[in-house]
Amino acid sequence: MEIINLFPLSIYRSKVGLDDALRKTLIQEIYNQENESKNNRTKMYNERSSWTGDVYGHEYLYKEKKFEVLYDLIGKHIINYVKKIGYNEKKIDFYYQRSWATVSRKNEYIKYHNHSQSHLSFAYYLKKDKDQGAINFHDNFKHNEIIPGTFESTSTRTAEFLKLNVLNAAQIRIEPNEDEIIVFPSKTFHSTSPSESDSERISISADVSIMSKNSNKIEK
């Protein structure tokens, strides 16, 4: 007997290797950005929403000198990811659309969303301890859901009608560690779980567009 799994969603996960001294500098810079916005701070979605710098005028971190080394390191991982998928990195250019920090405190989270305007997105965990929540990826296609509505229903599991496994999960949690990066297709719906820690989790995200260096023979 064989189960053949087709059409995977491929998520990239790796250590980045940022220097600890620079890490502390960048953490302080993000706290400074957050403090600057406090007078203007309104929760964008609800009282448990994390602070996201893009909402408060800090959506171009990749242009800031202090972050230059970090983005150079991250760029190598973006190239690794597209090469694994099969793209020829020598034929394409990468452009940051925007990049921002997120600060999440106890019970705060980011709601379900995607980034349909770009090609690749990432989350880099600048500061993270245990119990500070996960990044969740959501499956909107549910190719194996032969009975509609059963994969996301808690009642089907309570009644032991469906046993949760990787073949029927509508959502998969990844719990990154500090200094890890998660890269994924921007169109993928994702969210974060609430932090259970009394200390802050700080991540840096970005949206990346990919353009061909030469459109000859590839225009539709």
C-alpha atoms as a PDB file:
ATOM      1  CA  MET A   1       0.000   0.000   0.000  1.00  0.00           C
ATOM      2  CA  GLU A   2       1.282   3.464  -0.864  1.00  0.00           C
ATOM      3  CA  ILE A   3       0.041   7.009  -0.313  1.00  0.00           C
ATOM      4  CA  ILE A   4       1.420   9.411  -2.915  1.00  0.00           C
ATOM      5  CA  ASN A   5       1.444  13.015  -1.696  1.00  0.00           C
ATOM      6  CA  LEU A   6       1.221  15.488  -4.571  1.00  0.00           C
ATOM      7  CA  PHE A   7       1.578  19.263  -4.943  1.00  0.00           C
ATOM      8  CA  PRO A   8       3.357  20.238  -1.723  1.00  0.00           C
ATOM      9  CA  LEU A   9       3.504  23.679  -0.127  1.00  0.00           C
ATOM     10  CA  SER A  10       7.209  24.172   0.590  1.00  0.00           C
ATOM     11  CA  ILE A  11       8.185  26.319   3.580  1.00  0.00           C
ATOM     12  CA  TYR A  12      11.841  27.261   4.130  1.00  0.00           C
ATOM     13  CA  ARG A  13      13.302  27.295   7.660  1.00  0.00           C
ATOM     14  CA  SER A  14      16.898  28.037   8.617  1.00  0.00           C
ATOM     15  CA  LYS A  15      19.221  29.714  11.117  1.00  0.00           C
ATOM     16  CA  VAL A  16      20.498  33.074   9.861  1.00  0.00           C
ATOM     17  CA  GLY A  17      23.585  33.567  12.050  1.00  0.00           C
ATOM     18  CA  LEU A  18      23.182  37.204  13.104  1.00  0.00           C
ATOM     19  CA  ASP A  19      25.883  38.479  15.469  1.00  0.00           C
ATOM     20  CA  ASP A  20      24.607  38.815  19.064  1.00  0.00           C
ATOM     21  CA  ALA A  21      25.926  42.359  19.485  1.00  0.00           C
ATOM     22  CA  LEU A  22      24.128  43.501  16.337  1.00  0.00           C
ATOM     23  CA  ARG A  23      21.012  41.641  17.468  1.00  0.00           C
ATOM     24  CA  LYS A  24      20.900  43.744  20.647  1.00  0.00           C
ATOM     25  CA  THR A  25      21.333  46.942  18.620  1.00  0.00           C
ATOM     26  CA  LEU A  26      18.458  46.050  16.282  1.00  0.00           C
ATOM     27  CA  ILE A  27      16.198  45.030  19.151  1.00  0.00           C
ATOM     28  CA  GLN A  28      16.752  48.421  20.784  1.00  0.00           C
ATOM     29  CA  GLU A  29      16.081  50.196  17.485  1.00  0.00           C
ATOM     30  CA  ILE A  30      12.740  48.423  17.154  1.00  0.00           C
ATOM     31  CA  TYR A  31      11.787  49.335  20.724  1.00  0.00           C
ATOM     32  CA  ASN A  32      12.642  52.954  19.825  1.00  0.00           C
ATOM     33  CA  GLN A  33      10.351  52.781  16.798  1.00  0.00           C
ATOM     34  CA  GLU A  34       7.558  51.375  18.903  1.00  0.00           C
ATOM     35  CA  ASN A  35       8.007  54.059  21.577  1.00  0.00           C
ATOM     36  CA  GLU A  36       7.893  56.804  18.936  1.00  0.00           C
ATOM     37  CA  SER A  37       4.486  55.564  17.824  1.00  0.00           C
ATOM     38  CA  LYS A  38       2.936  55.268  21.288  1.00  0.00           C
ATOM     39  CA  ASN A  39       1.247  58.657  21.161  1.00  0.00           C
ATOM     40  CA  ASN A  40      -0.419  57.628  17.951  1.00  0.00           C
ATOM     41  CA  ARG A  41      -0.936  54.015  18.839  1.00  0.00           C
ATOM     42  CA  THR A  42      -4.326  52.522  18.150  1.00  0.00           C
ATOM     43  CA  LYS A  43      -4.926  48.816  17.888  1.00  0.00           C
ATOM     44  CA  MET A  44      -5.624  48.207  14.223  1.00  0.00           C
ATOM     45  CA  TYR A  45      -7.815  45.148  14.649  1.00  0.00           C
ATOM     46  CA  ASN A  46      -8.512  44.481  18.326  1.00  0.00           C
ATOM     47  CA  GLU A  47      -6.977  44.907  21.773  1.00  0.00           C
ATOM     48  CA  ARG A  48      -4.875  41.766  21.341  1.00  0.00           C
ATOM     49  CA  SER A  49      -3.249  42.781  18.074  1.00  0.00           C
ATOM     50  CA  SER A  50       0.543  42.888  18.004  1.00  0.00           C
ATOM     51  CA  TRP A  51       2.390  46.135  17.216  1.00  0.00           C
ATOM     52  CA  THR A  52       3.396  46.172  13.553  1.00  0.00           C
ATOM     53  CA  GLY A  53       5.796  48.858  12.357  1.00  0.00           C
ATOM     54  CA  ASP A  54       4.358  49.123   8.847  1.00  0.00           C
ATOM     55  CA  VAL A  55       1.215  50.704  10.271  1.00  0.00           C
ATOM     56  CA  TYR A  56       3.240  53.433  12.012  1.00  0.00           C
ATOM     57  CA  GLY A  57       5.592  54.568   9.261  1.00  0.00           C
ATOM     58  CA  HIS A  58       8.372  52.015   9.730  1.00  0.00           C
ATOM     59  CA  GLU A  59       7.776  49.833   6.666  1.00  0.00           C
ATOM     60  CA  TYR A  60      11.172  50.252   4.977  1.00  0.00           C
ATOM     61  CA  LEU A  61      13.633  48.695   7.415  1.00  0.00           C
ATOM     62  CA  TYR A  62      15.709  47.336   4.533  1.00  0.00           C
ATOM     63  CA  LYS A  63      16.682  50.937   3.669  1.00  0.00           C
ATOM     64  CA  GLU A  64      18.065  51.644   7.152  1.00  0.00           C
ATOM     65  CA  LYS A  65      21.841  51.395   7.585  1.00  0.00           C
ATOM     66  CA  LYS A  66      21.610  49.582  10.925  1.00  0.00           C
ATOM     67  CA  PHE A  67      19.762  46.694   9.278  1.00  0.00           C
ATOM     68  CA  GLU A  68      22.043  46.335   6.250  1.00  0.00           C
ATOM     69  CA  VAL A  69      23.983  43.302   7.526  1.00  0.00           C
ATOM     70  CA  LEU A  70      20.790  41.480   8.470  1.00  0.00           C
ATOM     71  CA  TYR A  71      19.229  41.952   5.031  1.00  0.00           C
ATOM     72  CA  ASP A  72      22.425  40.788   3.337  1.00  0.00           C
ATOM     73  CA  LEU A  73      22.198  37.560   5.361  1.00  0.00           C
ATOM     74  CA  ILE A  74      18.488  37.165   4.660  1.00  0.00           C
ATOM     75  CA  GLY A  75      19.040  37.655   0.926  1.00  0.00           C
ATOM     76  CA  LYS A  76      21.164  34.504   0.823  1.00  0.00           C
ATOM     77  CA  HIS A  77      18.317  32.491   2.333  1.00  0.00           C
ATOM     78  CA  ILE A  78      15.786  33.871  -0.133  1.00  0.00           C
ATOM     79  CA  ILE A  79      18.057  32.715  -2.965  1.00  0.00           C
ATOM     80  CA  ASN A  80      18.442  29.288  -1.317  1.00  0.00           C
ATOM     81  CA  TYR A  81      14.660  28.942  -1.172  1.00  0.00           C
ATOM     82  CA  VAL A  82      13.963  29.794  -4.813  1.00  0.00           C
ATOM     83  CA  LYS A  83      16.790  27.492  -5.928  1.00  0.00           C
ATOM     84  CA  LYS A  84      15.267  24.604  -3.956  1.00  0.00           C
ATOM     85  CA  ILE A  85      11.937  25.178  -5.692  1.00  0.00           C
ATOM     86  CA  GLY A  86      13.676  25.105  -9.060  1.00  0.00           C
ATOM     87  CA  TYR A  87      14.057  28.714 -10.174  1.00  0.00           C
ATOM     88  CA  ASN A  88      17.313  29.877 -11.735  1.00  0.00           C
ATOM     89  CA  GLU A  89      18.406  32.670  -9.398  1.00  0.00           C
ATOM     90  CA  LYS A  90      20.773  34.034 -12.056  1.00  0.00           C
ATOM     91  CA  LYS A  91      17.814  34.873 -14.292  1.00  0.00           C
ATOM     92  CA  ILE A  92      15.805  36.886 -11.766  1.00  0.00           C
ATOM     93  CA  ASP A  93      16.063  40.027  -9.628  1.00  0.00           C
ATOM     94  CA  PHE A  94      14.620  40.422  -6.147  1.00  0.00           C
ATOM     95  CA  TYR A  95      13.014  43.625  -4.872  1.00  0.00           C
ATOM     96  CA  TYR A  96      11.794  44.413  -1.371  1.00  0.00           C
ATOM     97  CA  GLN A  97       8.366  46.036  -1.447  1.00  0.00           C
ATOM     98  CA  ARG A  98       8.351  46.727   2.275  1.00  0.00           C
ATOM     99  CA  SER A  99       9.777  45.348   5.494  1.00  0.00           C
ATOM    100  CA  TRP A 100       8.729  45.979   9.068  1.00  0.00           C
ATOM    101  CA  ALA A 101       9.078  44.753  12.650  1.00  0.00           C
ATOM    102  CA  THR A 102       6.401  43.154  14.801  1.00  0.00           C
ATOM    103  CA  VAL A 103       6.410  43.260  18.604  1.00  0.00           C
ATOM    104  CA  SER A 104       4.120  40.734  20.296  1.00  0.00           C
ATOM    105  CA  ARG A 105       3.433  40.731  24.018  1.00  0.00           C
ATOM    106  CA  LYS A 106       1.496  38.290  26.162  1.00  0.00           C
ATOM    107  CA  ASN A 107      -1.821  37.233  24.562  1.00  0.00           C
ATOM    108  CA  GLU A 108      -1.167  39.265  21.398  1.00  0.00           C
ATOM    109  CA  TYR A 109      -1.286  37.756  17.925  1.00  0.00           C
ATOM    110  CA  ILE A 110      -1.582  38.464  14.186  1.00  0.00           C
ATOM    111  CA  LYS A 111      -4.827  37.426  12.553  1.00  0.00           C
ATOM    112  CA  TYR A 112      -5.266  35.194   9.477  1.00  0.00           C
ATOM    113  CA  HIS A 113      -4.104  36.969   6.302  1.00  0.00           C
ATOM    114  CA  ASN A 114      -1.891  36.743   3.229  1.00  0.00           C
ATOM    115  CA  HIS A 115       0.201  39.133   1.102  1.00  0.00           C
ATOM    116  CA  SER A 116      -1.312  38.836  -2.355  1.00  0.00           C
ATOM    117  CA  GLN A 117       0.575  41.834  -3.769  1.00  0.00           C
ATOM    118  CA  SER A 118       4.017  40.158  -3.604  1.00  0.00           C
ATOM    119  CA  HIS A 119       5.686  36.853  -4.482  1.00  0.00           C
ATOM    120  CA  LEU A 120       7.674  35.858  -1.389  1.00  0.00           C
ATOM    121  CA  SER A 121       7.333  36.759   2.268  1.00  0.00           C
ATOM    122  CA  PHE A 122       9.408  35.908   5.314  1.00  0.00           C
ATOM    123  CA  ALA A 123       9.443  36.178   9.080  1.00  0.00           C
ATOM    124  CA  TYR A 124      12.809  36.458  10.848  1.00  0.00           C
ATOM    125  CA  TYR A 125      12.793  35.964  14.620  1.00  0.00           C
ATOM    126  CA  LEU A 126      15.079  38.619  16.072  1.00  0.00           C
ATOM    127  CA  LYS A 127      13.988  37.977  19.673  1.00  0.00           C
ATOM    128  CA  LYS A 128      12.093  34.878  20.708  1.00  0.00           C
ATOM    129  CA  ASP A 129      11.853  32.643  23.765  1.00  0.00           C
ATOM    130  CA  LYS A 130       9.792  29.556  24.441  1.00  0.00           C
ATOM    131  CA  ASP A 131       6.010  29.894  24.833  1.00  0.00           C
ATOM    132  CA  GLN A 132       5.943  33.002  22.643  1.00  0.00           C
ATOM    133  CA  GLY A 133       3.618  31.569  20.040  1.00  0.00           C
ATOM    134  CA  ALA A 134       3.912  29.937  16.638  1.00  0.00           C
ATOM    135  CA  ILE A 135       3.407  30.913  13.034  1.00  0.00           C
ATOM    136  CA  ASN A 136       0.448  29.033  11.568  1.00  0.00           C
ATOM    137  CA  PHE A 137      -0.027  28.173   7.907  1.00  0.00           C
ATOM    138  CA  HIS A 138      -3.573  27.580   6.651  1.00  0.00           C
ATOM    139  CA  ASP A 139      -4.700  25.289   3.829  1.00  0.00           C
ATOM    140  CA  ASN A 140      -7.521  26.845   1.829  1.00  0.00           C
ATOM    141  CA  PHE A 141      -7.560  24.098  -0.797  1.00  0.00           C
ATOM    142  CA  LYS A 142      -8.089  20.978   1.349  1.00  0.00           C
ATOM    143  CA  HIS A 143      -7.491  18.562  -1.518  1.00  0.00           C
ATOM    144  CA  ASN A 144      -8.144  15.529   0.713  1.00  0.00           C
ATOM    145  CA  GLU A 145     -11.399  16.797   2.265  1.00  0.00           C
ATOM    146  CA  ILE A 146     -13.761  14.238   0.720  1.00  0.00           C
ATOM    147  CA  ILE A 147     -16.562  15.254   3.115  1.00  0.00           C
ATOM    148  CA  PRO A 148     -16.972  19.058   3.027  1.00  0.00           C
ATOM    149  CA  GLY A 149     -16.499  20.917   6.303  1.00  0.00           C
ATOM    150  CA  THR A 150     -14.892  18.083   8.254  1.00  0.00           C
ATOM    151  CA  PHE A 151     -11.254  19.216   8.306  1.00  0.00           C
ATOM    152  CA  GLU A 152     -11.881  22.417  10.295  1.00  0.00           C
ATOM    153  CA  SER A 153     -14.674  21.096  12.487  1.00  0.00           C
ATOM    154  CA  THR A 154     -13.821  20.407  16.139  1.00  0.00           C
ATOM    155  CA  SER A 155     -16.975  18.310  16.508  1.00  0.00           C
ATOM    156  CA  THR A 156     -15.732  15.710  14.007  1.00  0.00           C
ATOM    157  CA  ARG A 157     -12.661  15.154  16.196  1.00  0.00           C
ATOM    158  CA  THR A 158     -14.593  15.254  19.468  1.00  0.00           C
ATOM    159  CA  ALA A 159     -16.850  12.513  18.100  1.00  0.00           C
ATOM    160  CA  GLU A 160     -13.766  10.596  16.899  1.00  0.00           C
ATOM    161  CA  PHE A 161     -15.136  10.882  13.366  1.00  0.00           C
ATOM    162  CA  LEU A 162     -11.796  12.201  12.102  1.00  0.00           C
ATOM    163  CA  LYS A 163      -8.313  11.682  13.513  1.00  0.00           C
ATOM    164  CA  LEU A 164      -6.026  14.669  12.959  1.00  0.00           C
ATOM    165  CA  ASN A 165      -2.906  13.993  10.915  1.00  0.00           C
ATOM    166  CA  VAL A 166      -0.745  15.725   8.321  1.00  0.00           C
ATOM    167  CA  LEU A 167      -3.038  14.549   5.492  1.00  0.00           C
ATOM    168  CA  ASN A 168      -6.132  16.314   6.840  1.00  0.00           C
ATOM    169  CA  ALA A 169      -4.783  19.267   8.834  1.00  0.00           C
ATOM    170  CA  ALA A 170      -6.349  22.578   7.815  1.00  0.00           C
ATOM    171  CA  GLN A 171      -3.645  24.400   9.765  1.00  0.00           C
ATOM    172  CA  ILE A 172      -0.014  23.571  10.574  1.00  0.00           C
ATOM    173  CA  ARG A 173       1.944  25.244  13.387  1.00  0.00           C
ATOM    174  CA  ILE A 174       5.659  25.973  13.156  1.00  0.00           C
ATOM    175  CA  GLU A 175       7.418  27.117  16.328  1.00  0.00           C
ATOM    176  CA  PRO A 176      10.570  28.944  15.214  1.00  0.00           C
ATOM    177  CA  ASN A 177      13.536  29.651  17.444  1.00  0.00           C
ATOM    178  CA  GLU A 178      15.421  32.900  17.855  1.00  0.00           C
ATOM    179  CA  ASP A 179      17.594  33.717  14.805  1.00  0.00           C
ATOM    180  CA  GLU A 180      15.514  31.493  12.511  1.00  0.00           C
ATOM    181  CA  ILE A 181      13.882  32.632   9.293  1.00  0.00           C
ATOM    182  CA  ILE A 182      10.715  31.246   7.715  1.00  0.00           C
ATOM    183  CA  VAL A 183      10.277  31.933   3.968  1.00  0.00           C
ATOM    184  CA  PHE A 184       7.062  31.123   2.100  1.00  0.00           C
ATOM    185  CA  PRO A 185       4.949  32.097  -0.923  1.00  0.00           C
ATOM    186  CA  SER A 186       3.224  35.412  -0.169  1.00  0.00           C
ATOM    187  CA  LYS A 187      -0.163  34.070  -1.285  1.00  0.00           C
ATOM    188  CA  THR A 188      -0.138  31.542   1.568  1.00  0.00           C
ATOM    189  CA  PHE A 189      -2.579  32.384   4.347  1.00  0.00           C
ATOM    190  CA  HIS A 190      -0.926  32.537   7.753  1.00  0.00           C
ATOM    191  CA  SER A 191      -1.402  33.833  11.287  1.00  0.00           C
ATOM    192  CA  THR A 192       0.387  33.788  14.636  1.00  0.00           C
ATOM    193  CA  SER A 193      -0.634  32.140  17.890  1.00  0.00           C
ATOM    194  CA  PRO A 194      -0.944  34.273  21.032  1.00  0.00           C
ATOM    195  CA  SER A 195       2.198  34.526  23.124  1.00  0.00           C
ATOM    196  CA  GLU A 196       2.040  32.968  26.588  1.00  0.00           C
ATOM    197  CA  SER A 197       5.232  34.661  27.762  1.00  0.00           C
ATOM    198  CA  ASP A 198       5.690  37.814  29.829  1.00  0.00           C
ATOM    199  CA  SER A 199       8.534  38.965  27.558  1.00  0.00           C
ATOM    200  CA  GLU A 200       8.248  40.343  24.032  1.00  0.00           C
ATOM    201  CA  ARG A 201       8.658  38.422  20.792  1.00  0.00           C
ATOM    202  CA  ILE A 202      10.193  40.520  18.011  1.00  0.00           C
ATOM    203  CA  SER A 203      10.132  39.451  14.385  1.00  0.00           C
ATOM    204  CA  ILE A 204      11.001  41.162  11.122  1.00  0.00           C
ATOM    205  CA  SER A 205       8.916  40.503   8.026  1.00  0.00           C
ATOM    206  CA  ALA A 206       9.110  41.551   4.397  1.00  0.00           C
ATOM    207  CA  ASP A 207       7.321  41.217   1.093  1.00  0.00           C
ATOM    208  CA  VAL A 208       9.518  40.493  -1.927  1.00  0.00           C
ATOM    209  CA  SER A 209       8.747  40.813  -5.634  1.00  0.00           C
ATOM    210  CA  ILE A 210      10.626  38.794  -8.252  1.00  0.00           C
ATOM    211  CA  MET A 211      11.299  40.089 -11.760  1.00  0.00           C
ATOM    212  CA  SER A 212      12.947  38.428 -14.737  1.00  0.00           C
ATOM    213  CA  LYS A 213      16.240  39.987 -15.823  1.00  0.00           C
ATOM    214  CA  ASN A 214      15.229  39.392 -19.443  1.00  0.00           C
ATOM    215  CA  SER A 215      11.653  38.900 -20.642  1.00  0.00           C
ATOM    216  CA  ASN A 216      12.686  37.373 -23.975  1.00  0.00           C
ATOM    217  CA  LYS A 217      10.741  34.144 -24.635  1.00  0.00           C
ATOM    218  CA  ILE A 218       8.947  34.198 -21.271  1.00  0.00           C
ATOM    219  CA  GLU A 219       6.256  36.824 -21.856  1.00  0.00           C
ATOM    220  CA  LYS A 220       2.759  35.395 -22.172  1.00  0.00           C
END
